[in-house]
């Protein structure tokens, strides 16, 4: 199978992987033949790429969280957001969920946000889960101890609740969402670092943000949240592939993003999805068949009957993506 961008050129092609909704409901079965009508419906639903059957039968997808577990996490966070809309919040209950259900499901390897995931631009729940997975992995690589990793997950999962609250209160229309979230969490007796990190999530590394916080006073949680939120938002709303989002993020290091945090983020995500068709600098065309956990920018590429491990062939690199 291989990853392909949805379009009329996929008419009569066969789906290799089932398409599921964000809550785990199967929308389209694997093996389904794509029609123009179905393609248009999938694009409208927020899907931009799918896996198509071909001669590559030995490819296995790498998911950061099992699909059924992800659906459970989605439902739980949806319940948390619904309660927040009613001004209800149980800090102890959420922390228990993070410790018992969320963190144990995140693998000790770079994060893979599925390229064939339905990306609803307004879905703050899926957005928050994706950001939290990446933020937790980045925090681990930065050497955070467990209690700080738990706080990082808490901050990432709740960083956009200000938008949820604003939707229910017209009086907050002109108040920045991070200020609304800051005020809510502060009143709910959350830790100072957690609600301050949410407040400063849009600050820039060079001190040019709203509050003009200098480099020496910036909060690590906020710096991690900023880069992970930016990357995930690009992928979810910009109809971009992971490597394109990565390149745009990289261009803002030292201005918007802390270079040390960027290095940890860089090693925290697979930017070339399994099944992606690529061309190497030796003009060989192949497909990504396996990731390298130690350095996710250099995966394993299969071309005909030969495999190129880019960690073992350092003179080779991905020159072009064909999708």
C-alpha atoms as a PDB file:
ATOM      1  CA  UNK A   1       0.000   0.000   0.000  1.00  0.00           C
ATOM      2  CA  UNK A   2       1.016   3.629  -0.299  1.00  0.00           C
ATOM      3  CA  UNK A   3      -0.160   7.018   0.908  1.00  0.00           C
ATOM      4  CA  UNK A   4      -1.990   9.114  -1.681  1.00  0.00           C
ATOM      5  CA  UNK A   5      -3.595  12.544  -1.702  1.00  0.00           C
ATOM      6  CA  UNK A   6      -7.352  12.405  -2.191  1.00  0.00           C
ATOM      7  CA  UNK A   7      -8.483  13.470  -5.647  1.00  0.00           C
ATOM      8  CA  UNK A   8     -10.274  12.325  -8.777  1.00  0.00           C
ATOM      9  CA  UNK A   9      -7.137  10.400  -9.816  1.00  0.00           C
ATOM     10  CA  UNK A  10      -7.967   7.823  -7.116  1.00  0.00           C
ATOM     11  CA  UNK A  11     -11.268   6.839  -8.688  1.00  0.00           C
ATOM     12  CA  UNK A  12     -11.618   3.024  -8.808  1.00  0.00           C
ATOM     13  CA  UNK A  13      -8.631   2.582  -6.465  1.00  0.00           C
ATOM     14  CA  UNK A  14      -9.030   0.293  -3.439  1.00  0.00           C
ATOM     15  CA  UNK A  15      -8.644   1.495   0.156  1.00  0.00           C
ATOM     16  CA  UNK A  16      -5.931  -0.375   2.032  1.00  0.00           C
ATOM     17  CA  UNK A  17      -6.820   0.990   5.488  1.00  0.00           C
ATOM     18  CA  UNK A  18     -10.271   1.623   6.948  1.00  0.00           C
ATOM     19  CA  UNK A  19     -11.275   5.221   7.580  1.00  0.00           C
ATOM     20  CA  UNK A  20     -12.518   5.956  11.084  1.00  0.00           C
ATOM     21  CA  UNK A  21     -14.100   8.949  12.765  1.00  0.00           C
ATOM     22  CA  UNK A  22     -12.404  10.648  15.678  1.00  0.00           C
ATOM     23  CA  UNK A  23     -14.428   8.644  18.185  1.00  0.00           C
ATOM     24  CA  UNK A  24     -13.382   5.356  16.606  1.00  0.00           C
ATOM     25  CA  UNK A  25     -16.479   4.704  14.477  1.00  0.00           C
ATOM     26  CA  UNK A  26     -15.615   3.030  11.172  1.00  0.00           C
ATOM     27  CA  UNK A  27     -16.756   5.259   8.299  1.00  0.00           C
ATOM     28  CA  UNK A  28     -15.421   3.330   5.298  1.00  0.00           C
ATOM     29  CA  UNK A  29     -14.171  -0.268   5.289  1.00  0.00           C
ATOM     30  CA  UNK A  30     -10.761  -1.315   4.004  1.00  0.00           C
ATOM     31  CA  UNK A  31     -11.090  -2.813   0.514  1.00  0.00           C
ATOM     32  CA  UNK A  32     -13.727  -0.271  -0.531  1.00  0.00           C
ATOM     33  CA  UNK A  33     -13.455   0.911  -4.133  1.00  0.00           C
ATOM     34  CA  UNK A  34     -13.265   4.697  -4.260  1.00  0.00           C
ATOM     35  CA  UNK A  35     -15.835   6.532  -6.368  1.00  0.00           C
ATOM     36  CA  UNK A  36     -15.852  10.223  -7.239  1.00  0.00           C
ATOM     37  CA  UNK A  37     -18.812  10.739  -4.933  1.00  0.00           C
ATOM     38  CA  UNK A  38     -17.056   9.011  -2.021  1.00  0.00           C
ATOM     39  CA  UNK A  39     -13.835  10.923  -2.655  1.00  0.00           C
ATOM     40  CA  UNK A  40     -15.714  14.227  -2.552  1.00  0.00           C
ATOM     41  CA  UNK A  41     -17.495  13.203   0.657  1.00  0.00           C
ATOM     42  CA  UNK A  42     -14.214  12.259   2.330  1.00  0.00           C
ATOM     43  CA  UNK A  43     -12.578  15.536   1.354  1.00  0.00           C
ATOM     44  CA  UNK A  44     -15.564  17.442   2.752  1.00  0.00           C
ATOM     45  CA  UNK A  45     -15.265  15.508   6.027  1.00  0.00           C
ATOM     46  CA  UNK A  46     -11.708  16.808   6.516  1.00  0.00           C
ATOM     47  CA  UNK A  47      -9.653  13.984   5.030  1.00  0.00           C
ATOM     48  CA  UNK A  48      -6.807  14.823   2.641  1.00  0.00           C
ATOM     49  CA  UNK A  49      -4.867  11.548   2.242  1.00  0.00           C
ATOM     50  CA  UNK A  50      -5.666   7.823   2.273  1.00  0.00           C
ATOM     51  CA  UNK A  51      -3.810   4.534   1.979  1.00  0.00           C
ATOM     52  CA  UNK A  52      -4.283   2.772  -1.372  1.00  0.00           C
ATOM     53  CA  UNK A  53      -3.640  -0.900  -2.104  1.00  0.00           C
ATOM     54  CA  UNK A  54      -0.692  -1.761  -4.341  1.00  0.00           C
ATOM     55  CA  UNK A  55       2.091  -4.373  -4.512  1.00  0.00           C
ATOM     56  CA  UNK A  56       3.691  -3.284  -1.227  1.00  0.00           C
ATOM     57  CA  UNK A  57       2.069  -5.831   1.076  1.00  0.00           C
ATOM     58  CA  UNK A  58       4.704  -5.883   3.814  1.00  0.00           C
ATOM     59  CA  UNK A  59       4.158  -2.357   5.113  1.00  0.00           C
ATOM     60  CA  UNK A  60       2.891  -1.964   8.669  1.00  0.00           C
ATOM     61  CA  UNK A  61       1.576   1.354   9.947  1.00  0.00           C
ATOM     62  CA  UNK A  62       3.029   2.817  13.122  1.00  0.00           C
ATOM     63  CA  UNK A  63       0.457   4.408  15.454  1.00  0.00           C
ATOM     64  CA  UNK A  64       1.476   6.360  18.529  1.00  0.00           C
ATOM     65  CA  UNK A  65      -1.713   5.295  20.330  1.00  0.00           C
ATOM     66  CA  UNK A  66      -3.854   2.264  19.546  1.00  0.00           C
ATOM     67  CA  UNK A  67      -7.001   3.298  17.644  1.00  0.00           C
ATOM     68  CA  UNK A  68      -9.387   1.945  20.286  1.00  0.00           C
ATOM     69  CA  UNK A  69      -7.442   3.619  23.088  1.00  0.00           C
ATOM     70  CA  UNK A  70      -7.394   6.867  21.132  1.00  0.00           C
ATOM     71  CA  UNK A  71     -11.174   6.701  20.792  1.00  0.00           C
ATOM     72  CA  UNK A  72     -11.478   6.204  24.570  1.00  0.00           C
ATOM     73  CA  UNK A  73      -9.199   9.174  25.247  1.00  0.00           C
ATOM     74  CA  UNK A  74     -11.217  11.283  22.804  1.00  0.00           C
ATOM     75  CA  UNK A  75     -14.496  10.466  24.572  1.00  0.00           C
ATOM     76  CA  UNK A  76     -12.998  11.222  27.989  1.00  0.00           C
ATOM     77  CA  UNK A  77     -11.592  14.586  26.936  1.00  0.00           C
ATOM     78  CA  UNK A  78     -14.885  15.433  25.236  1.00  0.00           C
ATOM     79  CA  UNK A  79     -16.595  14.867  28.577  1.00  0.00           C
ATOM     80  CA  UNK A  80     -14.041  17.136  30.295  1.00  0.00           C
ATOM     81  CA  UNK A  81     -14.668  19.904  27.744  1.00  0.00           C
ATOM     82  CA  UNK A  82     -18.440  19.530  28.121  1.00  0.00           C
ATOM     83  CA  UNK A  83     -18.124  19.978  31.872  1.00  0.00           C
ATOM     84  CA  UNK A  84     -15.889  23.008  31.434  1.00  0.00           C
ATOM     85  CA  UNK A  85     -18.607  24.597  29.295  1.00  0.00           C
ATOM     86  CA  UNK A  86     -20.840  24.297  32.382  1.00  0.00           C
ATOM     87  CA  UNK A  87     -18.106  25.776  34.621  1.00  0.00           C
ATOM     88  CA  UNK A  88     -17.442  22.364  36.139  1.00  0.00           C
ATOM     89  CA  UNK A  89     -13.939  20.989  36.560  1.00  0.00           C
ATOM     90  CA  UNK A  90     -12.356  18.247  38.634  1.00  0.00           C
ATOM     91  CA  UNK A  91      -8.580  18.707  38.694  1.00  0.00           C
ATOM     92  CA  UNK A  92      -7.916  15.506  40.669  1.00  0.00           C
ATOM     93  CA  UNK A  93     -10.017  13.398  38.293  1.00  0.00           C
ATOM     94  CA  UNK A  94      -8.242  14.748  35.212  1.00  0.00           C
ATOM     95  CA  UNK A  95      -4.792  14.140  36.703  1.00  0.00           C
ATOM     96  CA  UNK A  96      -5.788  10.568  37.513  1.00  0.00           C
ATOM     97  CA  UNK A  97      -6.886  10.106  33.896  1.00  0.00           C
ATOM     98  CA  UNK A  98      -3.552  11.513  32.666  1.00  0.00           C
ATOM     99  CA  UNK A  99      -1.533   9.194  34.930  1.00  0.00           C
ATOM    100  CA  UNK A 100      -3.618   6.045  34.493  1.00  0.00           C
ATOM    101  CA  UNK A 101      -4.987   6.258  30.954  1.00  0.00           C
ATOM    102  CA  UNK A 102      -3.218   8.854  28.826  1.00  0.00           C
ATOM    103  CA  UNK A 103       0.504   8.731  29.559  1.00  0.00           C
ATOM    104  CA  UNK A 104       0.792   4.901  29.645  1.00  0.00           C
ATOM    105  CA  UNK A 105      -0.547   4.768  26.078  1.00  0.00           C
ATOM    106  CA  UNK A 106       2.120   7.057  24.590  1.00  0.00           C
ATOM    107  CA  UNK A 107       4.931   4.899  23.242  1.00  0.00           C
ATOM    108  CA  UNK A 108       8.539   5.648  24.086  1.00  0.00           C
ATOM    109  CA  UNK A 109       9.363   6.711  20.537  1.00  0.00           C
ATOM    110  CA  UNK A 110       8.692   9.641  18.185  1.00  0.00           C
ATOM    111  CA  UNK A 111       5.058  10.569  17.657  1.00  0.00           C
ATOM    112  CA  UNK A 112       3.207   9.668  14.495  1.00  0.00           C
ATOM    113  CA  UNK A 113       0.126  11.809  13.859  1.00  0.00           C
ATOM    114  CA  UNK A 114      -1.700   9.684  11.253  1.00  0.00           C
ATOM    115  CA  UNK A 115      -1.523  11.227   7.799  1.00  0.00           C
ATOM    116  CA  UNK A 116      -4.913   9.638   7.017  1.00  0.00           C
ATOM    117  CA  UNK A 117      -6.596  11.117  10.101  1.00  0.00           C
ATOM    118  CA  UNK A 118      -9.812  13.081   9.605  1.00  0.00           C
ATOM    119  CA  UNK A 119      -8.735  16.647  10.326  1.00  0.00           C
ATOM    120  CA  UNK A 120     -11.679  18.829  11.346  1.00  0.00           C
ATOM    121  CA  UNK A 121     -10.375  22.384  11.613  1.00  0.00           C
ATOM    122  CA  UNK A 122     -12.730  23.078  14.521  1.00  0.00           C
ATOM    123  CA  UNK A 123     -12.081  19.877  16.472  1.00  0.00           C
ATOM    124  CA  UNK A 124     -10.339  21.189  19.576  1.00  0.00           C
ATOM    125  CA  UNK A 125     -10.469  17.783  21.253  1.00  0.00           C
ATOM    126  CA  UNK A 126      -8.449  15.888  18.634  1.00  0.00           C
ATOM    127  CA  UNK A 127      -6.164  18.888  18.288  1.00  0.00           C
ATOM    128  CA  UNK A 128      -5.485  18.897  22.033  1.00  0.00           C
ATOM    129  CA  UNK A 129      -4.773  15.142  22.085  1.00  0.00           C
ATOM    130  CA  UNK A 130      -2.313  15.432  19.187  1.00  0.00           C
ATOM    131  CA  UNK A 131      -0.568  18.414  20.772  1.00  0.00           C
ATOM    132  CA  UNK A 132      -0.364  16.611  24.117  1.00  0.00           C
ATOM    133  CA  UNK A 133       1.217  13.495  22.575  1.00  0.00           C
ATOM    134  CA  UNK A 134       3.904  15.565  20.892  1.00  0.00           C
ATOM    135  CA  UNK A 135       4.435  17.818  23.920  1.00  0.00           C
ATOM    136  CA  UNK A 136       4.879  14.822  26.236  1.00  0.00           C
ATOM    137  CA  UNK A 137       7.444  13.237  23.928  1.00  0.00           C
ATOM    138  CA  UNK A 138       9.323  16.546  23.612  1.00  0.00           C
ATOM    139  CA  UNK A 139       9.314  16.998  27.389  1.00  0.00           C
ATOM    140  CA  UNK A 140      10.723  13.498  27.860  1.00  0.00           C
ATOM    141  CA  UNK A 141      13.614  14.222  25.516  1.00  0.00           C
ATOM    142  CA  UNK A 142      14.307  17.434  27.399  1.00  0.00           C
ATOM    143  CA  UNK A 143      14.752  15.361  30.542  1.00  0.00           C
ATOM    144  CA  UNK A 144      11.564  16.290  32.398  1.00  0.00           C
ATOM    145  CA  UNK A 145      10.853  14.170  35.495  1.00  0.00           C
ATOM    146  CA  UNK A 146       7.477  12.415  35.773  1.00  0.00           C
ATOM    147  CA  UNK A 147       5.599  15.087  37.714  1.00  0.00           C
ATOM    148  CA  UNK A 148       6.658  17.712  35.150  1.00  0.00           C
ATOM    149  CA  UNK A 149       5.620  15.400  32.298  1.00  0.00           C
ATOM    150  CA  UNK A 150       2.200  15.043  33.933  1.00  0.00           C
ATOM    151  CA  UNK A 151       1.914  18.828  34.157  1.00  0.00           C
ATOM    152  CA  UNK A 152       2.954  19.117  30.510  1.00  0.00           C
ATOM    153  CA  UNK A 153       0.161  16.731  29.514  1.00  0.00           C
ATOM    154  CA  UNK A 154      -2.315  18.699  31.639  1.00  0.00           C
ATOM    155  CA  UNK A 155      -1.317  22.009  30.033  1.00  0.00           C
ATOM    156  CA  UNK A 156      -1.434  20.609  26.489  1.00  0.00           C
ATOM    157  CA  UNK A 157      -4.794  18.900  26.912  1.00  0.00           C
ATOM    158  CA  UNK A 158      -6.409  22.069  28.296  1.00  0.00           C
ATOM    159  CA  UNK A 159      -4.563  24.828  26.428  1.00  0.00           C
ATOM    160  CA  UNK A 160      -7.555  25.647  24.195  1.00  0.00           C
ATOM    161  CA  UNK A 161     -10.384  25.505  26.741  1.00  0.00           C
ATOM    162  CA  UNK A 162     -10.626  29.286  26.508  1.00  0.00           C
ATOM    163  CA  UNK A 163     -12.151  28.813  23.063  1.00  0.00           C
ATOM    164  CA  UNK A 164     -14.703  26.389  24.519  1.00  0.00           C
ATOM    165  CA  UNK A 165     -15.684  28.835  27.263  1.00  0.00           C
ATOM    166  CA  UNK A 166     -15.880  31.790  24.839  1.00  0.00           C
ATOM    167  CA  UNK A 167     -18.363  29.902  22.665  1.00  0.00           C
ATOM    168  CA  UNK A 168     -20.789  29.879  25.601  1.00  0.00           C
ATOM    169  CA  UNK A 169     -20.296  33.457  26.789  1.00  0.00           C
ATOM    170  CA  UNK A 170     -20.778  36.371  24.329  1.00  0.00           C
ATOM    171  CA  UNK A 171     -19.291  38.745  26.937  1.00  0.00           C
ATOM    172  CA  UNK A 172     -15.880  37.138  26.324  1.00  0.00           C
ATOM    173  CA  UNK A 173     -15.961  37.685  22.564  1.00  0.00           C
ATOM    174  CA  UNK A 174     -13.049  40.140  22.518  1.00  0.00           C
ATOM    175  CA  UNK A 175     -10.961  38.448  25.221  1.00  0.00           C
ATOM    176  CA  UNK A 176      -8.030  36.314  23.972  1.00  0.00           C
ATOM    177  CA  UNK A 177      -8.757  32.624  24.483  1.00  0.00           C
ATOM    178  CA  UNK A 178      -5.560  32.107  26.492  1.00  0.00           C
ATOM    179  CA  UNK A 179      -6.651  34.811  28.959  1.00  0.00           C
ATOM    180  CA  UNK A 180     -10.041  33.132  29.340  1.00  0.00           C
ATOM    181  CA  UNK A 181      -8.347  29.773  29.991  1.00  0.00           C
ATOM    182  CA  UNK A 182      -5.893  31.391  32.423  1.00  0.00           C
ATOM    183  CA  UNK A 183      -8.718  32.927  34.444  1.00  0.00           C
ATOM    184  CA  UNK A 184     -10.698  29.664  34.515  1.00  0.00           C
ATOM    185  CA  UNK A 185      -7.789  27.461  35.624  1.00  0.00           C
ATOM    186  CA  UNK A 186      -6.643  29.986  38.228  1.00  0.00           C
ATOM    187  CA  UNK A 187     -10.101  30.009  39.811  1.00  0.00           C
ATOM    188  CA  UNK A 188     -10.111  26.194  39.851  1.00  0.00           C
ATOM    189  CA  UNK A 189      -6.981  26.142  42.047  1.00  0.00           C
ATOM    190  CA  UNK A 190      -4.678  24.626  39.424  1.00  0.00           C
ATOM    191  CA  UNK A 191      -0.938  25.059  39.841  1.00  0.00           C
ATOM    192  CA  UNK A 192       0.579  28.444  39.046  1.00  0.00           C
ATOM    193  CA  UNK A 193       2.921  27.048  36.388  1.00  0.00           C
ATOM    194  CA  UNK A 194       0.067  25.289  34.575  1.00  0.00           C
ATOM    195  CA  UNK A 195      -2.201  28.300  34.200  1.00  0.00           C
ATOM    196  CA  UNK A 196       0.703  30.653  33.476  1.00  0.00           C
ATOM    197  CA  UNK A 197       1.937  28.292  30.733  1.00  0.00           C
ATOM    198  CA  UNK A 198      -1.524  28.375  29.143  1.00  0.00           C
ATOM    199  CA  UNK A 199      -1.510  32.171  29.343  1.00  0.00           C
ATOM    200  CA  UNK A 200       1.890  32.478  27.649  1.00  0.00           C
ATOM    201  CA  UNK A 201       1.307  29.853  24.943  1.00  0.00           C
ATOM    202  CA  UNK A 202       1.576  32.398  22.126  1.00  0.00           C
ATOM    203  CA  UNK A 203       4.672  34.186  23.364  1.00  0.00           C
ATOM    204  CA  UNK A 204       7.710  34.246  21.070  1.00  0.00           C
ATOM    205  CA  UNK A 205      11.213  33.147  21.973  1.00  0.00           C
ATOM    206  CA  UNK A 206      12.641  36.525  20.958  1.00  0.00           C
ATOM    207  CA  UNK A 207      10.334  38.314  23.415  1.00  0.00           C
ATOM    208  CA  UNK A 208       8.100  39.862  20.769  1.00  0.00           C
ATOM    209  CA  UNK A 209       4.821  38.325  21.992  1.00  0.00           C
ATOM    210  CA  UNK A 210       1.830  40.005  23.596  1.00  0.00           C
ATOM    211  CA  UNK A 211       3.387  40.082  27.066  1.00  0.00           C
ATOM    212  CA  UNK A 212       6.974  40.597  25.852  1.00  0.00           C
ATOM    213  CA  UNK A 213       8.341  37.943  28.192  1.00  0.00           C
ATOM    214  CA  UNK A 214      12.146  37.847  27.992  1.00  0.00           C
ATOM    215  CA  UNK A 215      13.999  34.619  27.197  1.00  0.00           C
ATOM    216  CA  UNK A 216      15.259  34.217  30.757  1.00  0.00           C
ATOM    217  CA  UNK A 217      11.721  34.396  32.192  1.00  0.00           C
ATOM    218  CA  UNK A 218       9.877  32.153  29.743  1.00  0.00           C
ATOM    219  CA  UNK A 219       8.206  29.002  31.039  1.00  0.00           C
ATOM    220  CA  UNK A 220       9.425  25.692  29.600  1.00  0.00           C
ATOM    221  CA  UNK A 221       5.882  24.300  29.429  1.00  0.00           C
ATOM    222  CA  UNK A 222       4.791  27.282  27.348  1.00  0.00           C
ATOM    223  CA  UNK A 223       7.770  26.994  24.986  1.00  0.00           C
ATOM    224  CA  UNK A 224       7.028  23.317  24.331  1.00  0.00           C
ATOM    225  CA  UNK A 225       3.302  23.962  23.968  1.00  0.00           C
ATOM    226  CA  UNK A 226       3.946  26.786  21.499  1.00  0.00           C
ATOM    227  CA  UNK A 227       5.931  24.718  19.006  1.00  0.00           C
ATOM    228  CA  UNK A 228       3.731  21.618  19.270  1.00  0.00           C
ATOM    229  CA  UNK A 229       0.544  23.648  18.891  1.00  0.00           C
ATOM    230  CA  UNK A 230       1.945  25.474  15.862  1.00  0.00           C
ATOM    231  CA  UNK A 231       2.974  22.249  14.122  1.00  0.00           C
ATOM    232  CA  UNK A 232      -0.288  20.399  14.764  1.00  0.00           C
ATOM    233  CA  UNK A 233      -2.405  23.383  13.720  1.00  0.00           C
ATOM    234  CA  UNK A 234      -0.545  23.561  10.403  1.00  0.00           C
ATOM    235  CA  UNK A 235      -1.195  19.880   9.728  1.00  0.00           C
ATOM    236  CA  UNK A 236      -4.835  20.052  10.817  1.00  0.00           C
ATOM    237  CA  UNK A 237      -5.852  23.256   9.038  1.00  0.00           C
ATOM    238  CA  UNK A 238      -3.340  23.797   6.253  1.00  0.00           C
ATOM    239  CA  UNK A 239      -3.838  20.613   4.196  1.00  0.00           C
ATOM    240  CA  UNK A 240      -0.094  20.037   4.540  1.00  0.00           C
ATOM    241  CA  UNK A 241       1.978  16.881   4.949  1.00  0.00           C
ATOM    242  CA  UNK A 242       4.017  16.443   8.161  1.00  0.00           C
ATOM    243  CA  UNK A 243       7.340  17.231   6.466  1.00  0.00           C
ATOM    244  CA  UNK A 244       5.899  20.506   5.103  1.00  0.00           C
ATOM    245  CA  UNK A 245       4.707  21.498   8.584  1.00  0.00           C
ATOM    246  CA  UNK A 246       8.143  20.642   9.960  1.00  0.00           C
ATOM    247  CA  UNK A 247       9.902  22.847   7.401  1.00  0.00           C
ATOM    248  CA  UNK A 248       7.690  25.826   8.260  1.00  0.00           C
ATOM    249  CA  UNK A 249       8.325  25.277  11.952  1.00  0.00           C
ATOM    250  CA  UNK A 250      12.074  25.043  11.420  1.00  0.00           C
ATOM    251  CA  UNK A 251      12.052  28.396   9.630  1.00  0.00           C
ATOM    252  CA  UNK A 252      10.876  30.110  12.834  1.00  0.00           C
ATOM    253  CA  UNK A 253      13.571  28.841  15.203  1.00  0.00           C
ATOM    254  CA  UNK A 254      15.287  31.638  17.179  1.00  0.00           C
ATOM    255  CA  UNK A 255      12.429  34.036  16.491  1.00  0.00           C
ATOM    256  CA  UNK A 256       9.274  32.232  17.571  1.00  0.00           C
ATOM    257  CA  UNK A 257      10.743  28.997  18.937  1.00  0.00           C
ATOM    258  CA  UNK A 258      13.513  28.156  21.395  1.00  0.00           C
ATOM    259  CA  UNK A 259      16.331  26.310  19.515  1.00  0.00           C
ATOM    260  CA  UNK A 260      16.863  23.810  22.346  1.00  0.00           C
ATOM    261  CA  UNK A 261      13.134  22.979  22.452  1.00  0.00           C
ATOM    262  CA  UNK A 262      13.130  22.703  18.654  1.00  0.00           C
ATOM    263  CA  UNK A 263      15.879  20.065  18.753  1.00  0.00           C
ATOM    264  CA  UNK A 264      13.825  17.933  21.144  1.00  0.00           C
ATOM    265  CA  UNK A 265      10.672  18.497  19.063  1.00  0.00           C
ATOM    266  CA  UNK A 266      12.593  17.544  15.898  1.00  0.00           C
ATOM    267  CA  UNK A 267      13.479  14.184  17.424  1.00  0.00           C
ATOM    268  CA  UNK A 268       9.939  13.710  18.725  1.00  0.00           C
ATOM    269  CA  UNK A 269       7.996  13.306  15.500  1.00  0.00           C
ATOM    270  CA  UNK A 270       7.983  11.174  12.374  1.00  0.00           C
ATOM    271  CA  UNK A 271       7.677  13.697   9.547  1.00  0.00           C
ATOM    272  CA  UNK A 272       7.781  11.112   6.751  1.00  0.00           C
ATOM    273  CA  UNK A 273       4.733   8.823   7.200  1.00  0.00           C
ATOM    274  CA  UNK A 274       4.880   5.110   6.439  1.00  0.00           C
ATOM    275  CA  UNK A 275       3.757   4.538   2.851  1.00  0.00           C
ATOM    276  CA  UNK A 276       4.933   7.928   1.590  1.00  0.00           C
ATOM    277  CA  UNK A 277       6.500   7.789  -1.879  1.00  0.00           C
ATOM    278  CA  UNK A 278       9.821   9.621  -2.094  1.00  0.00           C
ATOM    279  CA  UNK A 279      12.829  10.218  -4.316  1.00  0.00           C
ATOM    280  CA  UNK A 280      16.340  10.068  -2.876  1.00  0.00           C
ATOM    281  CA  UNK A 281      19.200  12.305  -3.969  1.00  0.00           C
ATOM    282  CA  UNK A 282      20.603   9.400  -6.035  1.00  0.00           C
ATOM    283  CA  UNK A 283      17.361   9.636  -8.084  1.00  0.00           C
ATOM    284  CA  UNK A 284      16.091   6.308  -6.768  1.00  0.00           C
ATOM    285  CA  UNK A 285      12.334   6.366  -6.176  1.00  0.00           C
ATOM    286  CA  UNK A 286      10.868   4.329  -3.348  1.00  0.00           C
ATOM    287  CA  UNK A 287       8.477   4.217  -0.432  1.00  0.00           C
ATOM    288  CA  UNK A 288       8.899   4.717   3.324  1.00  0.00           C
ATOM    289  CA  UNK A 289       8.543   1.264   4.885  1.00  0.00           C
ATOM    290  CA  UNK A 290       9.985   1.729   8.371  1.00  0.00           C
ATOM    291  CA  UNK A 291      10.984   4.480  10.793  1.00  0.00           C
ATOM    292  CA  UNK A 292      14.245   5.004  12.661  1.00  0.00           C
ATOM    293  CA  UNK A 293      13.350   5.795  16.270  1.00  0.00           C
ATOM    294  CA  UNK A 294      16.765   7.244  17.028  1.00  0.00           C
ATOM    295  CA  UNK A 295      16.557   9.774  14.212  1.00  0.00           C
ATOM    296  CA  UNK A 296      13.074  10.146  12.693  1.00  0.00           C
ATOM    297  CA  UNK A 297      14.292  12.368   9.847  1.00  0.00           C
ATOM    298  CA  UNK A 298      16.117   9.407   8.318  1.00  0.00           C
ATOM    299  CA  UNK A 299      13.690   6.509   7.724  1.00  0.00           C
ATOM    300  CA  UNK A 300      14.094   3.271   5.744  1.00  0.00           C
ATOM    301  CA  UNK A 301      13.139   3.470   2.071  1.00  0.00           C
ATOM    302  CA  UNK A 302      12.271   0.486  -0.104  1.00  0.00           C
ATOM    303  CA  UNK A 303      12.958   0.761  -3.830  1.00  0.00           C
ATOM    304  CA  UNK A 304      12.144  -2.322  -5.922  1.00  0.00           C
ATOM    305  CA  UNK A 305      13.859  -5.176  -4.039  1.00  0.00           C
ATOM    306  CA  UNK A 306      16.401  -3.005  -2.249  1.00  0.00           C
ATOM    307  CA  UNK A 307      16.135  -1.192   1.075  1.00  0.00           C
ATOM    308  CA  UNK A 308      17.965   2.026   1.907  1.00  0.00           C
ATOM    309  CA  UNK A 309      18.427   2.680   5.613  1.00  0.00           C
ATOM    310  CA  UNK A 310      19.224   6.388   5.684  1.00  0.00           C
ATOM    311  CA  UNK A 311      20.899   5.999   9.058  1.00  0.00           C
ATOM    312  CA  UNK A 312      23.423   3.629   7.494  1.00  0.00           C
ATOM    313  CA  UNK A 313      23.724   5.545   4.201  1.00  0.00           C
ATOM    314  CA  UNK A 314      24.476   9.051   5.465  1.00  0.00           C
ATOM    315  CA  UNK A 315      25.244  10.374   1.984  1.00  0.00           C
ATOM    316  CA  UNK A 316      21.635   9.717   1.005  1.00  0.00           C
ATOM    317  CA  UNK A 317      18.685  11.906   1.891  1.00  0.00           C
ATOM    318  CA  UNK A 318      15.102  12.464   0.798  1.00  0.00           C
ATOM    319  CA  UNK A 319      15.214  14.967  -2.028  1.00  0.00           C
ATOM    320  CA  UNK A 320      11.613  14.945  -3.147  1.00  0.00           C
ATOM    321  CA  UNK A 321       8.226  13.672  -1.998  1.00  0.00           C
ATOM    322  CA  UNK A 322       5.807  12.273  -4.560  1.00  0.00           C
ATOM    323  CA  UNK A 323       2.195  12.537  -3.402  1.00  0.00           C
END
